[in-house]
Amino acid sequence: MYTIYHNPRCSKSRACLQLLQEAAVPLKIVDYMHQSLSAEIVRSFAAKLGLAAIVRSNEAVYKEQRLAEADEETIIQAIIDHPQLLQRPIVILGLQMLIARPPEKILELLND
């Protein structure tokens, strides 16, 4: 089963979701803007993808919270408190995980 951590307000996330739906794969959609992220899941994203890769450093809250100078736990907590900081969409299939930017990157998992 594919799991997509999805932000419905993000065009890239919507495009990735559409590709997954068109492929008719078993799919779990996590709207992380409305379903709280746990520290455990954010840590798993950071471990697999790299902390810098999962943080949207262009968000205003990133600068307001001075996260460029923060330690890992502070950044993880900031992502939990401000989910818009999470890079999206993140797609998981089994042990594989990727940030589907551009959305066509999801084809790597679909074609495996």
PDB file of N, CA and C in Angstrom:
ATOM      1  N   MET A   1       0.834  -1.179   0.000  1.00  0.00           N
ATOM      2  CA  MET A   1       0.000   0.000   0.000  1.00  0.00           C
ATOM      3  C   MET A   1       0.881   1.246   0.000  1.00  0.00           C
ATOM      4  N   TYR A   2       0.532   2.190  -0.824  1.00  0.00           N
ATOM      5  CA  TYR A   2       1.194   3.487  -0.871  1.00  0.00           C
ATOM      6  C   TYR A   2       0.581   4.388   0.190  1.00  0.00           C
ATOM      7  N   THR A   3       1.416   5.189   0.819  1.00  0.00           N
ATOM      8  CA  THR A   3       0.944   6.222   1.735  1.00  0.00           C
ATOM      9  C   THR A   3       1.489   7.546   1.244  1.00  0.00           C
ATOM     10  N   ILE A   4       0.610   8.526   1.094  1.00  0.00           N
ATOM     11  CA  ILE A   4       1.034   9.859   0.692  1.00  0.00           C
ATOM     12  C   ILE A   4       0.734  10.835   1.821  1.00  0.00           C
ATOM     13  N   TYR A   5       1.763  11.555   2.242  1.00  0.00           N
ATOM     14  CA  TYR A   5       1.587  12.651   3.191  1.00  0.00           C
ATOM     15  C   TYR A   5       1.329  13.875   2.332  1.00  0.00           C
ATOM     16  N   HIS A   6       0.084  14.312   2.349  1.00  0.00           N
ATOM     17  CA  HIS A   6      -0.484  15.205   1.348  1.00  0.00           C
ATOM     18  C   HIS A   6      -0.951  16.514   1.955  1.00  0.00           C
ATOM     19  N   ASN A   7      -0.653  17.599   1.237  1.00  0.00           N
ATOM     20  CA  ASN A   7      -1.186  18.916   1.587  1.00  0.00           C
ATOM     21  C   ASN A   7      -2.096  19.330   0.438  1.00  0.00           C
ATOM     22  N   PRO A   8      -3.407  19.334   0.631  1.00  0.00           N
ATOM     23  CA  PRO A   8      -4.345  19.631  -0.448  1.00  0.00           C
ATOM     24  C   PRO A   8      -4.171  21.023  -1.058  1.00  0.00           C
ATOM     25  N   ARG A   9      -3.509  21.923  -0.355  1.00  0.00           N
ATOM     26  CA  ARG A   9      -3.305  23.276  -0.881  1.00  0.00           C
ATOM     27  C   ARG A   9      -2.081  23.373  -1.788  1.00  0.00           C
ATOM     28  N   CYS A  10      -1.307  22.302  -1.896  1.00  0.00           N
ATOM     29  CA  CYS A  10      -0.068  22.298  -2.677  1.00  0.00           C
ATOM     30  C   CYS A  10      -0.319  21.673  -4.047  1.00  0.00           C
ATOM     31  N   SER A  11      -0.017  22.401  -5.106  1.00  0.00           N
ATOM     32  CA  SER A  11      -0.259  21.896  -6.465  1.00  0.00           C
ATOM     33  C   SER A  11       0.576  20.660  -6.766  1.00  0.00           C
ATOM     34  N   LYS A  12       1.804  20.593  -6.271  1.00  0.00           N
ATOM     35  CA  LYS A  12       2.662  19.420  -6.507  1.00  0.00           C
ATOM     36  C   LYS A  12       2.087  18.201  -5.792  1.00  0.00           C
ATOM     37  N   SER A  13       1.582  18.410  -4.606  1.00  0.00           N
ATOM     38  CA  SER A  13       0.986  17.322  -3.844  1.00  0.00           C
ATOM     39  C   SER A  13      -0.284  16.818  -4.531  1.00  0.00           C
ATOM     40  N   ARG A  14      -1.096  17.735  -5.018  1.00  0.00           N
ATOM     41  CA  ARG A  14      -2.321  17.344  -5.735  1.00  0.00           C
ATOM     42  C   ARG A  14      -1.982  16.584  -7.016  1.00  0.00           C
ATOM     43  N   ALA A  15      -0.957  17.020  -7.730  1.00  0.00           N
ATOM     44  CA  ALA A  15      -0.562  16.344  -8.968  1.00  0.00           C
ATOM     45  C   ALA A  15      -0.053  14.936  -8.681  1.00  0.00           C
ATOM     46  N   CYS A  16       0.715  14.777  -7.615  1.00  0.00           N
ATOM     47  CA  CYS A  16       1.215  13.455  -7.232  1.00  0.00           C
ATOM     48  C   CYS A  16       0.062  12.541  -6.841  1.00  0.00           C
ATOM     49  N   LEU A  17      -0.869  13.059  -6.062  1.00  0.00           N
ATOM     50  CA  LEU A  17      -2.038  12.276  -5.663  1.00  0.00           C
ATOM     51  C   LEU A  17      -2.814  11.819  -6.889  1.00  0.00           C
ATOM     52  N   GLN A  18      -2.965  12.696  -7.861  1.00  0.00           N
ATOM     53  CA  GLN A  18      -3.684  12.333  -9.083  1.00  0.00           C
ATOM     54  C   GLN A  18      -2.965  11.203  -9.823  1.00  0.00           C
ATOM     55  N   LEU A  19      -1.629  11.263  -9.908  1.00  0.00           N
ATOM     56  CA  LEU A  19      -0.872  10.190 -10.559  1.00  0.00           C
ATOM     57  C   LEU A  19      -1.082   8.861  -9.841  1.00  0.00           C
ATOM     58  N   LEU A  20      -1.079   8.883  -8.523  1.00  0.00           N
ATOM     59  CA  LEU A  20      -1.300   7.657  -7.753  1.00  0.00           C
ATOM     60  C   LEU A  20      -2.715   7.126  -7.962  1.00  0.00           C
ATOM     61  N   GLN A  21      -3.688   8.015  -7.968  1.00  0.00           N
ATOM     62  CA  GLN A  21      -5.075   7.587  -8.177  1.00  0.00           C
ATOM     63  C   GLN A  21      -5.277   7.036  -9.583  1.00  0.00           C
ATOM     64  N   GLU A  22      -4.649   7.646 -10.582  1.00  0.00           N
ATOM     65  CA  GLU A  22      -4.757   7.147 -11.956  1.00  0.00           C
ATOM     66  C   GLU A  22      -4.112   5.777 -12.101  1.00  0.00           C
ATOM     67  N   ALA A  23      -3.070   5.508 -11.304  1.00  0.00           N
ATOM     68  CA  ALA A  23      -2.412   4.204 -11.341  1.00  0.00           C
ATOM     69  C   ALA A  23      -3.237   3.141 -10.627  1.00  0.00           C
ATOM     70  N   ALA A  24      -4.279   3.561  -9.930  1.00  0.00           N
ATOM     71  CA  ALA A  24      -5.200   2.655  -9.232  1.00  0.00           C
ATOM     72  C   ALA A  24      -4.473   1.728  -8.255  1.00  0.00           C
ATOM     73  N   VAL A  25      -3.507   2.284  -7.528  1.00  0.00           N
ATOM     74  CA  VAL A  25      -2.784   1.505  -6.522  1.00  0.00           C
ATOM     75  C   VAL A  25      -3.486   1.651  -5.173  1.00  0.00           C
ATOM     76  N   PRO A  26      -3.346   0.662  -4.290  1.00  0.00           N
ATOM     77  CA  PRO A  26      -3.893   0.817  -2.942  1.00  0.00           C
ATOM     78  C   PRO A  26      -3.231   2.034  -2.291  1.00  0.00           C
ATOM     79  N   LEU A  27      -4.036   2.904  -1.705  1.00  0.00           N
ATOM     80  CA  LEU A  27      -3.523   4.206  -1.297  1.00  0.00           C
ATOM     81  C   LEU A  27      -4.130   4.666   0.022  1.00  0.00           C
ATOM     82  N   LYS A  28      -3.256   5.136   0.902  1.00  0.00           N
ATOM     83  CA  LYS A  28      -3.687   5.790   2.142  1.00  0.00           C
ATOM     84  C   LYS A  28      -3.253   7.252   2.031  1.00  0.00           C
ATOM     85  N   ILE A  29      -4.189   8.153   2.228  1.00  0.00           N
ATOM     86  CA  ILE A  29      -3.913   9.584   2.141  1.00  0.00           C
ATOM     87  C   ILE A  29      -3.887  10.162   3.552  1.00  0.00           C
ATOM     88  N   VAL A  30      -2.775  10.797   3.896  1.00  0.00           N
ATOM     89  CA  VAL A  30      -2.650  11.458   5.188  1.00  0.00           C
ATOM     90  C   VAL A  30      -2.587  12.963   4.926  1.00  0.00           C
ATOM     91  N   ASP A  31      -3.653  13.652   5.258  1.00  0.00           N
ATOM     92  CA  ASP A  31      -3.695  15.113   5.147  1.00  0.00           C
ATOM     93  C   ASP A  31      -3.062  15.658   6.424  1.00  0.00           C
ATOM     94  N   TYR A  32      -1.750  15.818   6.374  1.00  0.00           N
ATOM     95  CA  TYR A  32      -1.023  16.170   7.591  1.00  0.00           C
ATOM     96  C   TYR A  32      -1.279  17.601   8.060  1.00  0.00           C
ATOM     97  N   MET A  33      -1.963  18.388   7.252  1.00  0.00           N
ATOM     98  CA  MET A  33      -2.331  19.729   7.707  1.00  0.00           C
ATOM     99  C   MET A  33      -3.494  19.657   8.704  1.00  0.00           C
ATOM    100  N   HIS A  34      -4.247  18.542   8.662  1.00  0.00           N
ATOM    101  CA  HIS A  34      -5.387  18.372   9.567  1.00  0.00           C
ATOM    102  C   HIS A  34      -5.220  17.191  10.525  1.00  0.00           C
ATOM    103  N   GLN A  35      -4.311  16.279  10.227  1.00  0.00           N
ATOM    104  CA  GLN A  35      -4.010  15.158  11.113  1.00  0.00           C
ATOM    105  C   GLN A  35      -2.615  15.402  11.676  1.00  0.00           C
ATOM    106  N   SER A  36      -2.499  15.513  12.952  1.00  0.00           N
ATOM    107  CA  SER A  36      -1.212  15.844  13.567  1.00  0.00           C
ATOM    108  C   SER A  36      -0.134  14.830  13.215  1.00  0.00           C
ATOM    109  N   LEU A  37       1.052  15.348  12.972  1.00  0.00           N
ATOM    110  CA  LEU A  37       2.219  14.495  12.759  1.00  0.00           C
ATOM    111  C   LEU A  37       2.819  14.144  14.117  1.00  0.00           C
ATOM    112  N   SER A  38       3.280  12.914  14.263  1.00  0.00           N
ATOM    113  CA  SER A  38       3.957  12.520  15.498  1.00  0.00           C
ATOM    114  C   SER A  38       5.455  12.774  15.345  1.00  0.00           C
ATOM    115  N   ALA A  39       6.127  12.902  16.474  1.00  0.00           N
ATOM    116  CA  ALA A  39       7.580  13.050  16.449  1.00  0.00           C
ATOM    117  C   ALA A  39       8.211  11.825  15.799  1.00  0.00           C
ATOM    118  N   GLU A  40       7.634  10.659  16.056  1.00  0.00           N
ATOM    119  CA  GLU A  40       8.167   9.413  15.499  1.00  0.00           C
ATOM    120  C   GLU A  40       8.148   9.434  13.973  1.00  0.00           C
ATOM    121  N   ILE A  41       7.047   9.862  13.369  1.00  0.00           N
ATOM    122  CA  ILE A  41       6.968   9.863  11.910  1.00  0.00           C
ATOM    123  C   ILE A  41       7.892  10.926  11.325  1.00  0.00           C
ATOM    124  N   VAL A  42       7.968  12.094  11.952  1.00  0.00           N
ATOM    125  CA  VAL A  42       8.869  13.140  11.446  1.00  0.00           C
ATOM    126  C   VAL A  42      10.320  12.675  11.552  1.00  0.00           C
ATOM    127  N   ARG A  43      10.665  11.997  12.648  1.00  0.00           N
ATOM    128  CA  ARG A  43      12.024  11.449  12.784  1.00  0.00           C
ATOM    129  C   ARG A  43      12.301  10.404  11.706  1.00  0.00           C
ATOM    130  N   SER A  44      11.299   9.591  11.376  1.00  0.00           N
ATOM    131  CA  SER A  44      11.509   8.580  10.329  1.00  0.00           C
ATOM    132  C   SER A  44      11.729   9.248   8.975  1.00  0.00           C
ATOM    133  N   PHE A  45      11.008  10.339   8.692  1.00  0.00           N
ATOM    134  CA  PHE A  45      11.248  11.095   7.453  1.00  0.00           C
ATOM    135  C   PHE A  45      12.683  11.619   7.436  1.00  0.00           C
ATOM    136  N   ALA A  46      13.110  12.206   8.556  1.00  0.00           N
ATOM    137  CA  ALA A  46      14.453  12.783   8.638  1.00  0.00           C
ATOM    138  C   ALA A  46      15.527  11.712   8.491  1.00  0.00           C
ATOM    139  N   ALA A  47      15.316  10.553   9.111  1.00  0.00           N
ATOM    140  CA  ALA A  47      16.298   9.473   9.041  1.00  0.00           C
ATOM    141  C   ALA A  47      16.440   8.942   7.616  1.00  0.00           C
ATOM    142  N   LYS A  48      15.338   8.815   6.924  1.00  0.00           N
ATOM    143  CA  LYS A  48      15.352   8.216   5.581  1.00  0.00           C
ATOM    144  C   LYS A  48      15.712   9.230   4.495  1.00  0.00           C
ATOM    145  N   LEU A  49      15.228  10.469   4.633  1.00  0.00           N
ATOM    146  CA  LEU A  49      15.372  11.458   3.562  1.00  0.00           C
ATOM    147  C   LEU A  49      16.381  12.557   3.880  1.00  0.00           C
ATOM    148  N   GLY A  50      16.722  12.704   5.147  1.00  0.00           N
ATOM    149  CA  GLY A  50      17.611  13.785   5.571  1.00  0.00           C
ATOM    150  C   GLY A  50      16.797  14.954   6.101  1.00  0.00           C
ATOM    151  N   LEU A  51      17.208  15.484   7.223  1.00  0.00           N
ATOM    152  CA  LEU A  51      16.454  16.562   7.861  1.00  0.00           C
ATOM    153  C   LEU A  51      16.339  17.781   6.948  1.00  0.00           C
ATOM    154  N   ALA A  52      17.433  18.173   6.320  1.00  0.00           N
ATOM    155  CA  ALA A  52      17.401  19.358   5.447  1.00  0.00           C
ATOM    156  C   ALA A  52      16.425  19.174   4.291  1.00  0.00           C
ATOM    157  N   ALA A  53      16.300  17.944   3.793  1.00  0.00           N
ATOM    158  CA  ALA A  53      15.424  17.682   2.645  1.00  0.00           C
ATOM    159  C   ALA A  53      13.945  17.788   2.991  1.00  0.00           C
ATOM    160  N   ILE A  54      13.583  17.526   4.245  1.00  0.00           N
ATOM    161  CA  ILE A  54      12.152  17.508   4.587  1.00  0.00           C
ATOM    162  C   ILE A  54      11.632  18.850   5.089  1.00  0.00           C
ATOM    163  N   VAL A  55      12.521  19.831   5.253  1.00  0.00           N
ATOM    164  CA  VAL A  55      12.112  21.129   5.795  1.00  0.00           C
ATOM    165  C   VAL A  55      12.005  22.153   4.671  1.00  0.00           C
ATOM    166  N   ARG A  56      10.886  22.854   4.649  1.00  0.00           N
ATOM    167  CA  ARG A  56      10.684  23.939   3.679  1.00  0.00           C
ATOM    168  C   ARG A  56      11.274  25.227   4.264  1.00  0.00           C
ATOM    169  N   SER A  57      12.516  25.491   3.902  1.00  0.00           N
ATOM    170  CA  SER A  57      13.229  26.635   4.475  1.00  0.00           C
ATOM    171  C   SER A  57      12.754  27.974   3.912  1.00  0.00           C
ATOM    172  N   ASN A  58      11.915  27.936   2.891  1.00  0.00           N
ATOM    173  CA  ASN A  58      11.391  29.182   2.317  1.00  0.00           C
ATOM    174  C   ASN A  58      10.129  29.676   3.029  1.00  0.00           C
ATOM    175  N   GLU A  59       9.620  28.922   3.981  1.00  0.00           N
ATOM    176  CA  GLU A  59       8.430  29.333   4.728  1.00  0.00           C
ATOM    177  C   GLU A  59       8.790  30.433   5.733  1.00  0.00           C
ATOM    178  N   ALA A  60       7.893  31.376   5.915  1.00  0.00           N
ATOM    179  CA  ALA A  60       8.128  32.495   6.839  1.00  0.00           C
ATOM    180  C   ALA A  60       8.428  32.003   8.253  1.00  0.00           C
ATOM    181  N   VAL A  61       7.704  30.983   8.700  1.00  0.00           N
ATOM    182  CA  VAL A  61       7.894  30.481  10.066  1.00  0.00           C
ATOM    183  C   VAL A  61       9.310  29.922  10.257  1.00  0.00           C
ATOM    184  N   TYR A  62       9.923  29.410   9.193  1.00  0.00           N
ATOM    185  CA  TYR A  62      11.298  28.910   9.267  1.00  0.00           C
ATOM    186  C   TYR A  62      12.238  30.040   9.689  1.00  0.00           C
ATOM    187  N   LYS A  63      12.051  31.182   9.060  1.00  0.00           N
ATOM    188  CA  LYS A  63      12.888  32.345   9.378  1.00  0.00           C
ATOM    189  C   LYS A  63      12.515  32.936  10.739  1.00  0.00           C
ATOM    190  N   GLU A  64      11.213  33.025  11.016  1.00  0.00           N
ATOM    191  CA  GLU A  64      10.754  33.582  12.295  1.00  0.00           C
ATOM    192  C   GLU A  64      11.276  32.781  13.485  1.00  0.00           C
ATOM    193  N   GLN A  65      11.306  31.468  13.339  1.00  0.00           N
ATOM    194  CA  GLN A  65      11.760  30.588  14.424  1.00  0.00           C
ATOM    195  C   GLN A  65      13.284  30.403  14.433  1.00  0.00           C
ATOM    196  N   ARG A  66      13.971  31.011  13.479  1.00  0.00           N
ATOM    197  CA  ARG A  66      15.435  30.905  13.328  1.00  0.00           C
ATOM    198  C   ARG A  66      15.882  29.446  13.269  1.00  0.00           C
ATOM    199  N   LEU A  67      15.201  28.682  12.436  1.00  0.00           N
ATOM    200  CA  LEU A  67      15.470  27.246  12.367  1.00  0.00           C
ATOM    201  C   LEU A  67      16.775  26.916  11.653  1.00  0.00           C
ATOM    202  N   ALA A  68      17.323  27.847  10.902  1.00  0.00           N
ATOM    203  CA  ALA A  68      18.613  27.604  10.248  1.00  0.00           C
ATOM    204  C   ALA A  68      19.701  27.333  11.290  1.00  0.00           C
ATOM    205  N   GLU A  69      19.528  27.869  12.492  1.00  0.00           N
ATOM    206  CA  GLU A  69      20.516  27.712  13.566  1.00  0.00           C
ATOM    207  C   GLU A  69      20.095  26.660  14.595  1.00  0.00           C
ATOM    208  N   ALA A  70      18.955  26.031  14.387  1.00  0.00           N
ATOM    209  CA  ALA A  70      18.379  25.142  15.405  1.00  0.00           C
ATOM    210  C   ALA A  70      18.938  23.724  15.323  1.00  0.00           C
ATOM    211  N   ASP A  71      18.824  22.999  16.439  1.00  0.00           N
ATOM    212  CA  ASP A  71      19.218  21.592  16.452  1.00  0.00           C
ATOM    213  C   ASP A  71      18.072  20.732  15.906  1.00  0.00           C
ATOM    214  N   GLU A  72      18.373  19.463  15.697  1.00  0.00           N
ATOM    215  CA  GLU A  72      17.419  18.545  15.065  1.00  0.00           C
ATOM    216  C   GLU A  72      16.101  18.453  15.829  1.00  0.00           C
ATOM    217  N   GLU A  73      16.151  18.310  17.141  1.00  0.00           N
ATOM    218  CA  GLU A  73      14.916  18.170  17.920  1.00  0.00           C
ATOM    219  C   GLU A  73      14.048  19.420  17.839  1.00  0.00           C
ATOM    220  N   THR A  74      14.675  20.579  17.810  1.00  0.00           N
ATOM    221  CA  THR A  74      13.926  21.831  17.686  1.00  0.00           C
ATOM    222  C   THR A  74      13.228  21.895  16.334  1.00  0.00           C
ATOM    223  N   ILE A  75      13.924  21.476  15.285  1.00  0.00           N
ATOM    224  CA  ILE A  75      13.340  21.484  13.938  1.00  0.00           C
ATOM    225  C   ILE A  75      12.198  20.478  13.850  1.00  0.00           C
ATOM    226  N   ILE A  76      12.388  19.295  14.404  1.00  0.00           N
ATOM    227  CA  ILE A  76      11.325  18.283  14.395  1.00  0.00           C
ATOM    228  C   ILE A  76      10.092  18.814  15.116  1.00  0.00           C
ATOM    229  N   GLN A  77      10.282  19.431  16.271  1.00  0.00           N
ATOM    230  CA  GLN A  77       9.145  19.995  17.002  1.00  0.00           C
ATOM    231  C   GLN A  77       8.497  21.123  16.209  1.00  0.00           C
ATOM    232  N   ALA A  78       9.293  21.920  15.513  1.00  0.00           N
ATOM    233  CA  ALA A  78       8.744  23.004  14.693  1.00  0.00           C
ATOM    234  C   ALA A  78       7.877  22.444  13.566  1.00  0.00           C
ATOM    235  N   ILE A  79       8.293  21.331  12.963  1.00  0.00           N
ATOM    236  CA  ILE A  79       7.486  20.698  11.910  1.00  0.00           C
ATOM    237  C   ILE A  79       6.162  20.202  12.488  1.00  0.00           C
ATOM    238  N   ILE A  80       6.197  19.638  13.677  1.00  0.00           N
ATOM    239  CA  ILE A  80       4.970  19.168  14.330  1.00  0.00           C
ATOM    240  C   ILE A  80       4.041  20.351  14.625  1.00  0.00           C
ATOM    241  N   ASP A  81       4.613  21.428  15.131  1.00  0.00           N
ATOM    242  CA  ASP A  81       3.819  22.608  15.494  1.00  0.00           C
ATOM    243  C   ASP A  81       3.351  23.412  14.283  1.00  0.00           C
ATOM    244  N   HIS A  82       4.133  23.374  13.211  1.00  0.00           N
ATOM    245  CA  HIS A  82       3.851  24.149  11.991  1.00  0.00           C
ATOM    246  C   HIS A  82       3.992  23.210  10.790  1.00  0.00           C
ATOM    247  N   PRO A  83       2.995  22.372  10.527  1.00  0.00           N
ATOM    248  CA  PRO A  83       3.134  21.334   9.505  1.00  0.00           C
ATOM    249  C   PRO A  83       3.418  21.863   8.098  1.00  0.00           C
ATOM    250  N   GLN A  84       3.163  23.146   7.853  1.00  0.00           N
ATOM    251  CA  GLN A  84       3.490  23.698   6.545  1.00  0.00           C
ATOM    252  C   GLN A  84       5.000  23.674   6.289  1.00  0.00           C
ATOM    253  N   LEU A  85       5.799  23.450   7.330  1.00  0.00           N
ATOM    254  CA  LEU A  85       7.248  23.336   7.175  1.00  0.00           C
ATOM    255  C   LEU A  85       7.674  22.024   6.527  1.00  0.00           C
ATOM    256  N   LEU A  86       6.796  21.036   6.500  1.00  0.00           N
ATOM    257  CA  LEU A  86       7.151  19.734   5.938  1.00  0.00           C
ATOM    258  C   LEU A  86       7.136  19.795   4.418  1.00  0.00           C
ATOM    259  N   GLN A  87       8.234  19.372   3.815  1.00  0.00           N
ATOM    260  CA  GLN A  87       8.281  19.278   2.357  1.00  0.00           C
ATOM    261  C   GLN A  87       7.266  18.241   1.903  1.00  0.00           C
ATOM    262  N   ARG A  88       6.662  18.473   0.764  1.00  0.00           N
ATOM    263  CA  ARG A  88       5.597  17.581   0.315  1.00  0.00           C
ATOM    264  C   ARG A  88       5.605  17.446  -1.180  1.00  0.00           C
ATOM    265  N   PRO A  89       4.954  16.397  -1.626  1.00  0.00           N
ATOM    266  CA  PRO A  89       4.385  15.269  -0.883  1.00  0.00           C
ATOM    267  C   PRO A  89       5.460  14.233  -0.566  1.00  0.00           C
ATOM    268  N   ILE A  90       5.293  13.546   0.537  1.00  0.00           N
ATOM    269  CA  ILE A  90       6.156  12.418   0.875  1.00  0.00           C
ATOM    270  C   ILE A  90       5.336  11.163   0.634  1.00  0.00           C
ATOM    271  N   VAL A  91       5.925  10.240  -0.130  1.00  0.00           N
ATOM    272  CA  VAL A  91       5.239   8.995  -0.481  1.00  0.00           C
ATOM    273  C   VAL A  91       6.056   7.827   0.052  1.00  0.00           C
ATOM    274  N   ILE A  92       5.356   6.877   0.652  1.00  0.00           N
ATOM    275  CA  ILE A  92       5.986   5.689   1.227  1.00  0.00           C
ATOM    276  C   ILE A  92       5.377   4.452   0.581  1.00  0.00           C
ATOM    277  N   LEU A  93       6.245   3.518   0.236  1.00  0.00           N
ATOM    278  CA  LEU A  93       5.828   2.190  -0.206  1.00  0.00           C
ATOM    279  C   LEU A  93       6.772   1.202   0.456  1.00  0.00           C
ATOM    280  N   GLY A  94       6.265   0.455   1.423  1.00  0.00           N
ATOM    281  CA  GLY A  94       7.115  -0.482   2.149  1.00  0.00           C
ATOM    282  C   GLY A  94       8.250   0.253   2.835  1.00  0.00           C
ATOM    283  N   LEU A  95       9.486  -0.128   2.498  1.00  0.00           N
ATOM    284  CA  LEU A  95      10.660   0.513   3.082  1.00  0.00           C
ATOM    285  C   LEU A  95      11.151   1.690   2.252  1.00  0.00           C
ATOM    286  N   GLN A  96      10.516   1.926   1.117  1.00  0.00           N
ATOM    287  CA  GLN A  96      10.920   3.025   0.241  1.00  0.00           C
ATOM    288  C   GLN A  96      10.159   4.294   0.605  1.00  0.00           C
ATOM    289  N   MET A  97      10.853   5.414   0.495  1.00  0.00           N
ATOM    290  CA  MET A  97      10.248   6.703   0.812  1.00  0.00           C
ATOM    291  C   MET A  97      10.879   7.739  -0.101  1.00  0.00           C
ATOM    292  N   LEU A  98      10.058   8.657  -0.592  1.00  0.00           N
ATOM    293  CA  LEU A  98      10.608   9.742  -1.396  1.00  0.00           C
ATOM    294  C   LEU A  98       9.752  10.989  -1.301  1.00  0.00           C
ATOM    295  N   ILE A  99      10.398  12.111  -1.610  1.00  0.00           N
ATOM    296  CA  ILE A  99       9.689  13.376  -1.758  1.00  0.00           C
ATOM    297  C   ILE A  99       9.396  13.492  -3.243  1.00  0.00           C
ATOM    298  N   ALA A 100       8.135  13.501  -3.596  1.00  0.00           N
ATOM    299  CA  ALA A 100       7.731  13.468  -5.009  1.00  0.00           C
ATOM    300  C   ALA A 100       7.684  14.882  -5.586  1.00  0.00           C
ATOM    301  N   ARG A 101       8.849  15.471  -5.709  1.00  0.00           N
ATOM    302  CA  ARG A 101       9.010  16.780  -6.339  1.00  0.00           C
ATOM    303  C   ARG A 101      10.093  16.635  -7.379  1.00  0.00           C
ATOM    304  N   PRO A 102       9.775  16.757  -8.622  1.00  0.00           N
ATOM    305  CA  PRO A 102       8.455  17.020  -9.181  1.00  0.00           C
ATOM    306  C   PRO A 102       7.544  15.801  -9.005  1.00  0.00           C
ATOM    307  N   PRO A 103       6.244  15.981  -9.194  1.00  0.00           N
ATOM    308  CA  PRO A 103       5.297  14.884  -8.968  1.00  0.00           C
ATOM    309  C   PRO A 103       5.612  13.624  -9.775  1.00  0.00           C
ATOM    310  N   GLU A 104       6.196  13.795 -10.952  1.00  0.00           N
ATOM    311  CA  GLU A 104       6.517  12.645 -11.803  1.00  0.00           C
ATOM    312  C   GLU A 104       7.551  11.727 -11.160  1.00  0.00           C
ATOM    313  N   LYS A 105       8.215  12.204 -10.137  1.00  0.00           N
ATOM    314  CA  LYS A 105       9.192  11.372  -9.429  1.00  0.00           C
ATOM    315  C   LYS A 105       8.525  10.132  -8.836  1.00  0.00           C
ATOM    316  N   ILE A 106       7.218  10.203  -8.622  1.00  0.00           N
ATOM    317  CA  ILE A 106       6.485   9.056  -8.080  1.00  0.00           C
ATOM    318  C   ILE A 106       6.542   7.868  -9.033  1.00  0.00           C
ATOM    319  N   LEU A 107       6.791   8.132 -10.297  1.00  0.00           N
ATOM    320  CA  LEU A 107       6.882   7.057 -11.284  1.00  0.00           C
ATOM    321  C   LEU A 107       8.009   6.088 -10.942  1.00  0.00           C
ATOM    322  N   GLU A 108       9.039   6.557 -10.217  1.00  0.00           N
ATOM    323  CA  GLU A 108      10.120   5.673  -9.767  1.00  0.00           C
ATOM    324  C   GLU A 108       9.559   4.539  -8.913  1.00  0.00           C
ATOM    325  N   LEU A 109       8.633   4.844  -8.021  1.00  0.00           N
ATOM    326  CA  LEU A 109       8.025   3.804  -7.182  1.00  0.00           C
ATOM    327  C   LEU A 109       7.007   2.992  -7.962  1.00  0.00           C
ATOM    328  N   LEU A 110       6.242   3.664  -8.807  1.00  0.00           N
ATOM    329  CA  LEU A 110       5.202   2.959  -9.563  1.00  0.00           C
ATOM    330  C   LEU A 110       5.792   1.958 -10.546  1.00  0.00           C
ATOM    331  N   ASN A 111       6.985   2.248 -11.052  1.00  0.00           N
ATOM    332  CA  ASN A 111       7.597   1.376 -12.057  1.00  0.00           C
ATOM    333  C   ASN A 111       8.460   0.280 -11.459  1.00  0.00           C
ATOM    334  N   ASP A 112       8.655   0.282 -10.142  1.00  0.00           N
ATOM    335  CA  ASP A 112       9.464  -0.774  -9.496  1.00  0.00           C
ATOM    336  C   ASP A 112       8.717  -2.085  -9.451  1.00  0.00           C
TER     337      ASP A 112
END
